Protein backbone atom coordinates (compact mmCIF):
# COMPACT_ATOMS: atom_id res chain seq x y z
CA MET A 1 16.82 34.61 56.21
CA ARG A 2 18.81 33.17 53.34
CA GLY A 3 22.52 32.84 52.63
CA ALA A 4 25.59 33.56 54.72
CA THR A 5 25.80 36.54 57.02
CA PRO A 6 28.58 39.02 56.11
CA ALA A 7 30.60 40.77 58.75
CA ALA A 8 28.88 43.78 60.30
CA PRO A 9 30.56 47.18 60.31
CA ASP A 10 32.00 48.52 63.51
CA GLY A 11 30.04 51.02 65.59
CA GLY A 12 26.54 51.21 66.91
CA ASP A 13 25.10 53.49 64.23
CA THR A 14 23.99 50.73 61.81
CA PRO A 15 20.55 51.54 60.41
CA ARG A 16 17.52 49.42 61.24
CA PHE A 17 15.52 48.04 58.33
CA ARG A 18 11.80 47.29 58.16
CA LEU A 19 10.54 44.88 55.53
CA LEU A 20 7.49 43.44 57.33
CA GLY A 21 5.26 46.26 56.17
CA PRO A 22 6.16 49.30 54.03
CA VAL A 23 9.92 49.26 53.42
CA ARG A 24 11.63 51.73 55.76
CA PHE A 25 15.07 52.33 57.29
CA GLY A 26 16.47 54.65 59.93
CA PRO A 27 18.80 54.94 62.93
CA PRO A 28 18.25 52.52 65.83
CA ALA A 29 16.54 55.14 67.99
CA GLY A 30 15.21 57.52 65.35
CA PRO A 31 12.41 57.80 62.80
CA ALA A 32 12.28 55.44 59.83
CA ASP A 33 12.08 56.80 56.28
CA ARG A 34 11.31 55.36 52.87
CA PRO A 35 14.60 54.60 51.03
CA GLY A 36 13.33 55.89 47.68
CA PRO A 37 11.04 54.82 44.82
CA PRO A 38 9.67 51.25 44.53
CA HIS A 39 12.49 49.83 42.40
CA ARG A 40 15.08 51.18 44.84
CA GLN A 41 13.16 49.48 47.62
CA ALA A 42 13.27 46.27 45.56
CA VAL A 43 17.07 46.48 45.26
CA LEU A 44 17.45 47.07 49.00
CA SER A 45 15.12 44.15 49.79
CA VAL A 46 17.11 41.74 47.62
CA LEU A 47 20.39 42.68 49.30
CA LEU A 48 18.90 42.47 52.81
CA LEU A 49 17.13 39.15 52.36
CA ARG A 50 19.70 37.27 50.30
CA ARG A 51 22.59 38.39 52.55
CA ARG A 52 25.24 37.42 50.02
CA PRO A 53 26.84 39.16 47.03
CA VAL A 54 24.47 39.65 44.09
CA THR A 55 25.62 40.56 40.59
CA VAL A 56 24.02 43.28 38.51
CA ALA A 57 22.45 40.57 36.33
CA GLY A 58 21.09 38.85 39.44
CA LEU A 59 19.64 42.12 40.71
CA ALA A 60 18.00 42.79 37.35
CA ALA A 61 16.39 39.34 37.33
CA ALA A 62 15.16 39.81 40.90
CA VAL A 63 13.76 43.31 40.32
CA TRP A 64 12.31 42.96 36.81
CA GLY A 65 12.36 39.26 35.91
CA ASP A 66 11.99 38.68 32.17
CA ASP A 67 10.79 42.27 31.67
CA ALA A 68 14.08 44.01 32.46
CA PRO A 69 14.49 47.16 30.32
CA ALA A 70 17.57 47.82 28.22
CA SER A 71 18.59 50.46 30.75
CA ALA A 72 18.39 48.02 33.71
CA ALA A 73 22.15 47.98 34.46
CA GLY A 74 22.37 51.77 34.47
CA ASN A 75 19.23 52.13 36.56
CA LEU A 76 20.58 49.64 39.10
CA ARG A 77 23.88 51.52 39.47
CA THR A 78 21.93 54.72 40.08
CA HIS A 79 19.85 52.99 42.78
CA LEU A 80 22.99 51.49 44.37
CA TRP A 81 24.74 54.88 44.45
CA ALA A 82 21.65 56.45 46.05
CA LEU A 83 21.46 53.68 48.66
CA ARG A 84 25.14 54.19 49.55
CA THR A 85 24.46 57.88 50.09
CA LEU A 86 21.45 57.14 52.29
CA LEU A 87 23.17 54.45 54.35
CA GLU A 88 26.44 56.38 54.93
CA PRO A 89 25.57 60.08 54.59
CA GLY A 90 28.85 61.27 56.14
CA ARG A 91 31.18 59.18 53.96
CA ALA A 92 33.78 61.19 52.02
CA CYS A 93 33.78 60.98 48.25
CA ARG A 94 36.80 58.65 47.94
CA GLN A 95 36.38 56.84 51.25
CA PRO A 96 35.59 53.11 50.85
CA ALA A 97 32.03 52.11 51.62
CA ARG A 98 31.49 50.10 54.81
CA ILE A 99 27.84 49.05 54.48
CA LEU A 100 26.99 48.61 50.79
CA VAL A 101 30.17 47.16 49.31
CA ALA A 102 31.10 45.71 45.93
CA ASP A 103 33.75 43.21 44.83
CA GLU A 104 34.27 40.75 42.01
CA ARG A 105 31.34 38.65 43.29
CA GLY A 106 28.80 41.49 43.20
CA TYR A 107 27.08 43.84 45.65
CA ALA A 108 26.39 43.01 49.30
CA LEU A 109 25.07 44.78 52.40
CA HIS A 110 27.35 44.44 55.43
CA THR A 111 24.74 44.81 58.15
CA PRO A 112 24.13 42.65 61.21
CA PRO A 113 21.18 40.34 60.62
CA GLU A 114 19.40 41.59 63.74
CA SER A 115 19.08 45.00 62.10
CA VAL A 116 16.36 43.55 59.81
CA ASP A 117 12.88 42.94 61.21
CA ALA A 118 12.37 39.92 58.92
CA TRP A 119 15.46 38.27 60.43
CA ARG A 120 14.27 39.01 63.96
CA PHE A 121 10.88 37.52 63.12
CA GLU A 122 12.35 34.29 61.75
CA GLU A 123 14.91 34.01 64.56
CA ARG A 124 12.25 34.28 67.26
CA ALA A 125 9.94 31.91 65.39
CA GLU A 126 12.77 29.37 65.30
CA ALA A 127 13.40 29.90 69.03
CA ALA A 128 9.70 29.24 69.57
CA ARG A 129 10.06 25.94 67.69
CA ARG A 130 12.87 24.94 70.02
CA ALA A 131 10.71 25.84 73.02
CA ARG A 132 7.93 23.70 71.58
CA ALA A 133 10.31 20.78 71.12
CA ARG A 134 11.22 20.86 74.82
CA GLY A 135 7.55 21.19 75.83
CA ASP A 136 7.72 24.77 77.13
CA THR A 137 4.38 26.16 75.95
CA ALA A 138 4.61 29.40 77.92
CA ALA A 139 8.01 30.24 76.39
CA GLU A 140 6.78 29.33 72.92
CA HIS A 141 3.75 31.59 73.39
CA ALA A 142 5.94 34.53 74.51
CA LEU A 143 8.49 34.08 71.71
CA LEU A 144 5.78 33.91 69.06
CA ALA A 145 4.21 37.08 70.43
CA GLU A 146 7.59 38.80 70.08
CA ALA A 147 8.04 37.42 66.56
CA LEU A 148 4.60 38.58 65.44
CA GLY A 149 5.25 41.99 66.99
CA GLN A 150 7.82 42.65 64.26
CA TRP A 151 5.04 43.03 61.68
CA SER A 152 3.44 46.36 60.75
CA GLY A 153 1.52 45.40 57.60
CA GLU A 154 1.92 43.38 54.41
CA ALA A 155 5.52 42.26 53.89
CA LEU A 156 7.39 44.33 51.29
CA ALA A 157 4.25 46.37 50.69
CA GLY A 158 4.23 47.90 47.23
CA VAL A 159 7.67 46.52 46.26
CA PRO A 160 7.72 45.29 42.64
CA GLY A 161 9.48 42.33 41.06
CA PRO A 162 9.43 38.53 41.17
CA PHE A 163 11.83 38.27 44.12
CA ALA A 164 9.66 40.55 46.26
CA GLU A 165 6.54 38.60 45.32
CA GLU A 166 8.14 35.26 46.25
CA GLU A 167 9.40 36.65 49.55
CA ARG A 168 6.04 38.27 50.27
CA ILE A 169 4.33 34.90 49.86
CA ARG A 170 7.00 33.06 51.89
CA LEU A 171 7.01 35.53 54.76
CA THR A 172 3.22 35.81 54.83
CA ALA A 173 2.93 32.04 55.02
CA LEU A 174 5.43 31.94 57.90
CA ARG A 175 3.48 34.68 59.65
CA THR A 176 0.22 32.75 59.32
CA SER A 177 1.89 29.61 60.68
CA ALA A 178 3.25 31.61 63.61
CA ARG A 179 -0.20 33.10 64.27
CA LYS A 180 -1.72 29.62 64.30
CA ARG A 181 0.93 28.30 66.67
CA HIS A 182 0.48 31.36 68.93
CA ILE A 183 -3.25 30.60 69.06
CA VAL A 184 -2.62 26.92 69.80
CA CYS A 185 -0.32 27.92 72.65
CA ALA A 186 -2.98 30.22 74.04
CA LEU A 187 -5.54 27.41 73.92
CA ARG A 188 -3.15 25.01 75.61
CA LEU A 189 -2.61 27.62 78.32
CA GLY A 190 -6.36 27.94 78.81
CA LEU A 191 -6.60 31.42 77.26
CA HIS A 192 -9.50 30.52 74.97
CA HIS A 193 -11.28 33.86 75.27
CA THR A 194 -8.21 35.85 74.18
CA VAL A 195 -7.98 34.29 70.70
CA ILE A 196 -11.61 34.33 69.54
CA PRO A 197 -11.46 37.87 68.02
CA GLU A 198 -8.28 37.08 66.06
CA LEU A 199 -9.59 33.69 64.93
CA SER A 200 -12.87 35.23 63.80
CA ALA A 201 -10.94 37.76 61.71
CA LEU A 202 -8.61 35.10 60.27
CA THR A 203 -11.45 32.81 59.24
CA ARG A 204 -13.07 35.73 57.42
CA GLU A 205 -9.76 36.41 55.67
CA PHE A 206 -9.14 32.73 54.86
CA PRO A 207 -12.62 31.15 54.69
CA LEU A 208 -11.35 27.86 53.23
CA ASP A 209 -8.62 27.25 55.83
CA GLU A 210 -9.95 24.25 57.75
CA GLU A 211 -7.20 24.42 60.38
CA LEU A 212 -8.30 27.92 61.38
CA ARG A 213 -11.90 26.76 61.50
CA ALA A 214 -10.89 23.90 63.80
CA LEU A 215 -9.08 26.28 66.14
CA LEU A 216 -12.08 28.60 66.26
CA MET A 217 -14.36 25.65 67.08
CA ARG A 218 -12.05 24.63 69.92
CA ALA A 219 -11.79 28.18 71.28
CA LEU A 220 -15.57 28.64 71.28
CA HIS A 221 -16.13 25.24 72.86
CA GLY A 222 -13.55 26.02 75.53
CA CYS A 223 -15.50 29.18 76.45
CA GLY A 224 -18.72 27.22 76.78
CA ARG A 225 -20.09 28.54 73.46
CA GLN A 226 -20.88 25.10 72.03
CA ALA A 227 -23.71 26.20 69.74
CA GLU A 228 -21.42 28.74 68.06
CA ALA A 229 -18.73 26.09 67.63
CA PHE A 230 -21.14 23.77 65.85
CA THR A 231 -22.35 26.67 63.69
CA VAL A 232 -18.75 27.19 62.55
CA PHE A 233 -18.62 23.55 61.39
CA ALA A 234 -21.92 23.85 59.53
CA ASP A 235 -20.75 27.04 57.85
CA THR A 236 -17.45 25.36 56.90
CA HIS A 237 -19.32 22.43 55.36
CA ARG A 238 -21.50 24.78 53.31
CA THR A 239 -18.59 26.99 52.19
CA LEU A 240 -16.43 24.07 51.07
CA ARG A 241 -19.32 22.57 49.12
CA GLU A 242 -20.13 25.85 47.39
CA GLU A 243 -16.54 26.91 46.65
CA LEU A 244 -14.72 23.63 45.99
CA GLY A 245 -17.37 20.92 45.82
CA VAL A 246 -15.72 18.97 48.68
CA ALA A 247 -16.63 17.97 52.21
CA PRO A 248 -14.62 19.00 55.29
CA CYS A 249 -11.40 17.03 55.79
CA PRO A 250 -11.55 13.92 57.99
CA GLU A 251 -9.63 15.69 60.78
CA LEU A 252 -12.21 18.48 61.03
CA THR A 253 -15.09 16.02 60.86
CA ALA A 254 -13.52 13.98 63.66
CA LEU A 255 -13.08 17.12 65.79
CA HIS A 256 -16.75 17.98 65.28
CA ALA A 257 -17.72 14.51 66.50
CA ARG A 258 -15.47 14.83 69.56
CA LEU A 259 -16.92 18.23 70.44
CA LEU A 260 -20.46 16.90 70.05
CA ALA A 261 -19.52 14.28 72.64
CA ASP A 262 -18.00 17.02 74.83
CA ASP A 263 -14.64 15.25 74.48
CA PRO A 264 -12.19 17.68 72.83
CA PRO A 265 -8.93 15.95 71.84
CA PRO A 266 -5.78 17.04 73.68
CA PHE A 267 -3.32 19.49 72.14
CA ASP A 268 -0.25 17.54 73.25
CA LEU A 269 1.02 16.00 70.00
CA HIS A 270 4.37 14.85 71.36
CA ARG A 271 3.04 11.77 73.11
CA PRO A 272 -0.43 10.62 74.13
CA SER A 273 -1.04 11.00 77.83
CA PRO A 274 -2.59 8.05 79.72
CA LEU A 275 -5.82 10.02 79.95
CA ALA A 276 -5.85 10.74 76.23
CA ARG A 277 -5.18 7.09 75.40
CA ALA A 278 -7.86 5.81 77.75
CA HIS A 279 -10.48 8.41 76.96
CA GLY A 280 -9.70 8.91 73.26
CA ARG A 281 -8.27 6.37 70.83
CA PRO A 282 -7.84 2.85 72.19
CA ALA A 283 -4.50 1.12 72.41
CA LEU A 284 -3.58 -0.85 69.28
CA PRO A 285 -2.67 -4.52 68.89
CA ASP A 286 1.06 -5.13 68.71
CA ALA A 287 1.04 -5.78 64.95
CA ALA A 288 -0.85 -2.55 64.29
CA GLU A 289 1.54 -0.62 66.56
CA ARG A 290 4.44 -1.94 64.48
CA VAL A 291 2.80 -0.72 61.27
CA LEU A 292 2.18 2.66 62.87
CA ALA A 293 5.80 2.91 64.02
CA ARG A 294 7.06 2.05 60.53
CA ALA A 295 4.82 4.71 58.99
CA LYS A 296 6.17 7.36 61.35
CA SER A 297 9.77 6.32 60.68
CA VAL A 298 9.29 6.71 56.92
CA LEU A 299 8.13 10.31 57.27
CA ILE A 300 10.65 11.31 59.95
CA GLY A 301 13.60 9.39 58.46
CA GLY A 302 13.22 10.95 55.03
CA GLN A 303 12.96 14.38 56.62
CA ASP A 304 16.18 13.76 58.56
CA ARG A 305 17.97 12.87 55.30
CA GLY A 306 16.95 16.15 53.70
CA ALA A 307 14.55 14.41 51.31
CA VAL A 308 10.82 14.82 50.71
CA PRO A 309 9.41 11.61 52.22
CA VAL A 310 6.28 10.21 50.59
CA LEU A 311 4.28 7.51 52.38
CA VAL A 312 1.47 5.75 50.50
CA ILE A 313 -1.13 3.82 52.52
CA THR A 314 -2.92 1.36 50.23
CA GLY A 315 -5.92 -0.85 50.83
CA PRO A 316 -9.53 -1.56 49.88
CA GLY A 317 -12.49 0.35 51.23
CA ARG A 318 -12.95 0.26 55.03
CA ALA A 319 -9.49 -1.23 55.60
CA GLY A 320 -8.64 1.67 57.91
CA LYS A 321 -6.50 3.84 55.60
CA THR A 322 -7.93 7.16 56.76
CA ALA A 323 -7.79 6.17 60.41
CA LEU A 324 -4.16 5.05 60.12
CA ALA A 325 -3.28 8.26 58.27
CA ALA A 326 -4.85 10.31 61.06
CA ARG A 327 -2.85 8.45 63.72
CA VAL A 328 0.38 8.83 61.74
CA ALA A 329 -0.24 12.54 61.16
CA ASP A 330 -0.86 13.12 64.86
CA GLY A 331 2.21 11.12 65.79
CA VAL A 332 4.61 13.13 63.60
CA ALA A 333 2.97 16.56 64.02
CA HIS A 334 5.80 17.82 66.24
CA ARG A 335 8.22 17.31 63.34
CA PHE A 336 6.15 19.57 61.09
CA PRO A 337 5.74 22.75 63.13
CA ASP A 338 4.41 24.78 60.19
CA GLY A 339 1.23 22.75 60.22
CA ARG A 340 -0.74 20.25 58.17
CA VAL A 341 -2.75 20.72 54.98
CA SER A 342 -5.05 18.10 53.51
CA ALA A 343 -7.22 17.50 50.47
CA ASP A 344 -9.63 14.79 49.33
CA LEU A 345 -8.76 13.67 45.78
CA ARG A 346 -11.56 11.14 45.31
CA THR A 347 -13.06 11.02 41.84
CA TRP A 348 -14.86 8.25 39.99
CA ASP A 349 -14.62 9.77 36.53
CA PRO A 350 -12.61 7.76 33.96
CA VAL A 351 -10.06 10.59 33.95
CA PRO A 352 -9.18 12.08 37.36
CA ALA A 353 -9.94 15.74 37.89
CA GLY A 354 -7.10 18.12 37.08
CA PRO A 355 -4.90 19.52 39.87
CA GLY A 356 -6.07 23.12 39.51
CA PRO A 357 -8.91 23.15 42.10
CA VAL A 358 -6.90 21.07 44.58
CA LEU A 359 -3.90 23.36 44.25
CA ALA A 360 -6.13 26.37 44.87
CA HIS A 361 -7.47 24.69 48.02
CA LEU A 362 -3.96 23.87 49.28
CA LEU A 363 -2.67 27.37 48.51
CA ARG A 364 -5.48 28.91 50.52
CA ALA A 365 -4.66 26.53 53.37
CA LEU A 366 -1.07 27.78 53.15
CA ALA A 367 -2.36 31.34 53.67
CA VAL A 368 -1.94 32.48 50.07
CA PRO A 369 -4.68 35.09 49.44
CA ALA A 370 -7.18 34.14 46.74
CA SER A 371 -6.29 37.28 44.79
CA ARG A 372 -2.71 35.98 44.36
CA ILE A 373 -3.64 32.49 43.12
CA PRO A 374 -3.17 32.33 39.32
CA ALA A 375 -5.69 30.69 37.00
CA ASP A 376 -3.15 28.53 35.17
CA PRO A 377 -2.60 25.11 36.88
CA ASP A 378 1.14 25.12 36.11
CA GLU A 379 1.53 28.56 37.69
CA ARG A 380 -0.47 27.35 40.68
CA ALA A 381 1.88 24.38 41.05
CA ALA A 382 4.93 26.66 40.93
CA LEU A 383 3.40 29.00 43.52
CA TYR A 384 2.52 25.98 45.71
CA ARG A 385 6.12 24.79 45.70
CA SER A 386 7.30 28.32 46.47
CA ALA A 387 4.84 28.60 49.38
CA LEU A 388 6.26 25.38 50.85
CA ALA A 389 9.89 26.38 50.39
CA GLY A 390 11.72 26.68 53.69
CA ARG A 391 8.74 25.35 55.65
CA ARG A 392 8.00 22.06 57.40
CA VAL A 393 4.46 21.10 56.45
CA LEU A 394 2.77 17.69 56.35
CA VAL A 395 0.65 17.35 53.20
CA VAL A 396 -2.12 14.73 53.61
CA LEU A 397 -3.90 13.61 50.42
CA HIS A 398 -6.85 11.24 50.73
CA ASP A 399 -8.13 8.78 48.07
CA ALA A 400 -5.51 9.49 45.43
CA ARG A 401 -6.05 7.74 42.13
CA ASP A 402 -2.82 7.86 40.11
CA ALA A 403 0.60 9.49 39.86
CA ALA A 404 -0.56 12.14 37.38
CA GLN A 405 -3.06 13.39 39.94
CA VAL A 406 -0.51 13.45 42.78
CA THR A 407 2.72 14.68 41.17
CA PRO A 408 1.74 18.38 40.93
CA LEU A 409 0.92 18.29 44.66
CA LEU A 410 4.37 17.14 45.82
CA PRO A 411 6.68 19.70 47.50
CA GLY A 412 9.63 20.84 45.43
CA GLY A 413 12.27 20.77 48.17
CA PRO A 414 13.13 19.22 51.54
CA GLY A 415 11.42 20.06 54.79
CA SER A 416 7.87 18.94 54.10
CA ALA A 417 6.46 15.43 53.67
CA VAL A 418 3.49 13.78 51.95
CA LEU A 419 1.08 11.20 53.36
CA LEU A 420 -1.23 9.55 50.80
CA THR A 421 -4.15 7.14 51.06
CA THR A 422 -5.29 5.24 47.99
CA ARG A 423 -7.01 2.08 46.82
CA SER A 424 -4.62 1.73 43.89
CA ARG A 425 -1.74 -0.69 44.29
CA VAL A 426 0.18 0.80 41.38
CA LEU A 427 0.41 4.35 42.74
CA ALA A 428 3.37 3.91 45.11
CA PRO A 429 5.68 2.30 42.48
CA ALA A 430 4.87 5.17 40.10
CA LEU A 431 6.11 7.83 42.57
CA PRO A 432 9.90 8.24 42.92
CA ALA A 433 11.25 7.05 46.28
CA ALA A 434 7.77 6.54 47.76
CA ALA A 435 7.34 3.99 50.56
CA SER A 436 4.11 2.06 50.89
CA ILE A 437 2.09 0.28 53.53
CA GLU A 438 -0.68 -2.06 52.37
CA LEU A 439 -3.68 -2.79 54.57
CA ALA A 440 -5.77 -5.89 54.10
CA ALA A 441 -9.56 -6.03 53.91
CA ARG A 442 -10.06 -6.92 57.57
CA PRO A 443 -11.52 -5.11 60.61
CA ARG A 444 -9.94 -1.69 61.03
CA PRO A 445 -7.51 -1.77 63.98
CA TYR A 446 -6.66 1.94 63.57
CA ALA A 447 -10.24 3.23 63.65
CA GLU A 448 -12.70 3.81 66.44
CA ASP A 449 -15.37 1.17 66.95
CA PRO A 450 -17.96 1.44 64.12
CA PRO A 451 -21.42 2.62 65.07
CA PRO A 452 -23.89 -0.17 65.86
CA GLY A 453 -25.67 -1.39 62.78
CA GLU A 454 -23.12 0.04 60.33
CA ARG A 455 -23.70 -1.49 56.91
CA ALA A 456 -21.00 -2.19 54.37
CA GLY A 457 -23.08 -1.08 51.39
CA ALA A 458 -26.48 -0.72 49.81
CA PRO A 459 -28.33 -3.86 48.66
CA ASP A 460 -28.00 -4.82 44.98
CA THR A 461 -31.42 -4.21 43.47
CA ASP A 462 -30.43 -6.13 40.28
CA ALA A 463 -29.91 -9.39 42.16
CA PRO A 464 -32.48 -11.90 43.40
CA HIS A 465 -33.20 -11.82 47.16
CA ALA A 466 -32.20 -8.16 47.12
CA GLY A 467 -32.40 -7.65 50.87
CA ALA A 468 -30.35 -10.71 51.85
CA PRO A 469 -26.82 -10.17 53.12
CA ASP A 470 -24.08 -11.35 50.80
CA THR A 471 -21.27 -12.70 52.94
CA ASP A 472 -19.00 -13.36 49.96
CA ALA A 473 -19.27 -9.89 48.45
CA PRO A 474 -16.41 -7.44 48.80
CA ASP A 475 -16.84 -4.32 50.90
CA LEU A 476 -18.56 -1.86 48.55
CA GLY A 477 -19.49 0.90 50.96
CA ASN A 478 -17.42 3.57 49.19
CA LEU A 479 -18.17 2.63 45.58
CA PRO A 480 -20.37 4.88 43.46
CA PRO A 481 -23.81 3.38 42.79
CA SER A 482 -23.00 2.80 39.11
CA LEU A 483 -20.22 0.31 40.00
CA VAL A 484 -21.93 -1.59 42.81
CA PRO A 485 -24.02 -3.97 40.60
CA ALA A 486 -20.95 -4.90 38.52
CA ALA A 487 -18.85 -5.58 41.61
CA ARG A 488 -21.55 -7.80 43.12
CA ARG A 489 -22.01 -9.79 39.91
CA LEU A 490 -18.29 -10.44 39.66
CA ALA A 491 -18.16 -11.45 43.32
CA ARG A 492 -21.00 -13.95 42.80
CA SER A 493 -19.50 -15.37 39.60
CA GLY A 494 -16.65 -16.99 41.55
CA ALA A 495 -14.47 -16.75 38.45
CA GLY A 496 -10.70 -17.00 38.68
CA PRO A 497 -8.37 -14.85 36.59
CA SER A 498 -10.49 -13.56 33.71
CA SER A 499 -9.93 -11.79 30.43
CA VAL A 500 -11.83 -8.68 29.42
CA GLU A 501 -13.98 -10.86 27.15
CA ALA A 502 -14.90 -13.16 30.05
CA LEU A 503 -15.75 -10.17 32.22
CA ALA A 504 -17.94 -8.76 29.45
CA ALA A 505 -19.89 -12.03 29.38
CA VAL A 506 -20.43 -11.94 33.16
CA LEU A 507 -21.42 -8.29 33.15
CA GLY A 508 -23.54 -8.47 30.01
CA THR A 509 -21.70 -5.54 28.36
CA GLY A 510 -19.47 -4.98 25.37
CA ARG A 511 -15.71 -5.44 25.58
CA ALA A 512 -14.93 -1.68 25.75
CA ASP A 513 -17.41 -1.07 28.58
CA ALA A 514 -16.15 -4.12 30.46
CA ALA A 515 -12.57 -2.83 30.23
CA LEU A 516 -13.56 0.57 31.63
CA ILE A 517 -15.52 -1.03 34.48
CA ALA A 518 -12.66 -3.41 35.28
CA GLU A 519 -10.09 -0.60 35.47
CA ALA A 520 -12.39 1.44 37.71
CA LEU A 521 -12.78 -1.57 40.02
CA VAL A 522 -9.00 -2.05 40.10
CA ASP A 523 -8.59 1.57 41.16
CA ALA A 524 -11.21 0.98 43.86
CA GLY A 525 -9.38 -2.09 45.18
CA VAL A 526 -12.22 -4.48 44.26
CA LEU A 527 -10.23 -6.28 41.54
CA ASP A 528 -6.58 -7.19 41.13
CA THR A 529 -4.78 -7.22 37.79
CA PRO A 530 -2.03 -9.87 37.99
CA ALA A 531 -1.13 -9.37 34.30
CA ALA A 532 -2.04 -6.95 31.54
CA GLY A 533 -5.62 -7.60 30.39
CA THR A 534 -6.27 -10.09 33.20
CA TYR A 535 -8.42 -9.44 36.28
CA ARG A 536 -9.35 -11.35 39.41
CA LEU A 537 -10.97 -10.89 42.76
CA PRO A 538 -8.42 -10.43 45.57
CA ALA A 539 -8.05 -13.21 48.09
CA ARG A 540 -10.45 -12.81 51.00
CA PRO A 541 -8.90 -12.79 54.50
């Protein structure tokens, strides 16, 4: 609930208000009625949720936005008079109002916050967070059940206006986060069978929410229904490809691999238990542990200062960026109780893909229904920031290319944080207040041991002795096929800092094509650019 809480009137006859469903009000122990037509419900909702004085102009903007009619002020006074009559039916004509009062600051409802179901929901959800922080899963589970019990349908159902729409999105997102946490608690308590019906319904409602899919896989696996769990992953892979053209996020892919090995990861995100450390990820070398600790401190420290911390992990292919990001995300998960959303931004086109599809993916992950996601990218970005407002979410973006691609995906206010991986060394300086960690092209201390026989890349069919290993070549395993021959030729040339013209001679292309190839290789971490128009191979470890 927003704003300060005004003093409540005396007496125990204060009405109870329902906003988490159709808007209703009534006596504490009696039936609840509709307070009037939709715009009157909108006025009541603004006063209940803002919990501070609101002017007539503020009410008009909240109820109608830019489409307020010329008669808005008169209409509002009619609605306010009707609400006073409903809230205090026995008040004499000249007796001062006790519940809906007005002063020089505007109109305000003097009701105790606990009289509103939305307040009770948020208060119990916050109590559940505190229980989670102290490790009391049973208490968290019970408090979340009580919080979710406040709901009776869509929040502010049928209420018009921009304020109601924003609150509907915010409250719905909080409800979905609470439902996920309630399910996680049930799984941690061993109640796998109790959550499968709800998870099945939620994944049908939000088919692109990978976190829900992961929870359903874990619930099915915990009930011994392994084949169904693997079917969920296959269906997720197909759906994401068809709808968004992307693969499942690294976290979901890693969970699938753990379940295939009958080794589900633990739910305890506060600290790894000795069993989890021995049976899951190995202990890290001291230097790698220091890097991991610094990464966590960036995200947590910025959050403590009320900022939006942004951490950029930079490095060439196979340096361990994704693995480090996964460890960092797990290590700070308890500081982001509203969950984690992730997206893969990789593109090899000269111009990165626009933010529209990624924003749609993130909005769906934040429980925004597809029907409410606008077509315009700018409107999607505004809705994305609104959906994150007042929440603590970790946004993980893999393989970012440049600041223009990332900026629309940054939260608009404090509470959440952003974790980026990229091959570009110029991305972090281009983002305000971003901190960066650079990984070298060496064996990946943050990752699991690579499978036996893992190859760095495909052989270069343009080169002589095509099947021979090239020990001096950079790691090209994640480059698109069109760039691999150019990278290998430059690696074999042994040239120092080179101009575009010199690169064109090595590559056998024109100057314009050589410039495009060079910039693409810089983005991929294969080349450095120590000065404008100059390129070189990075120093090998």
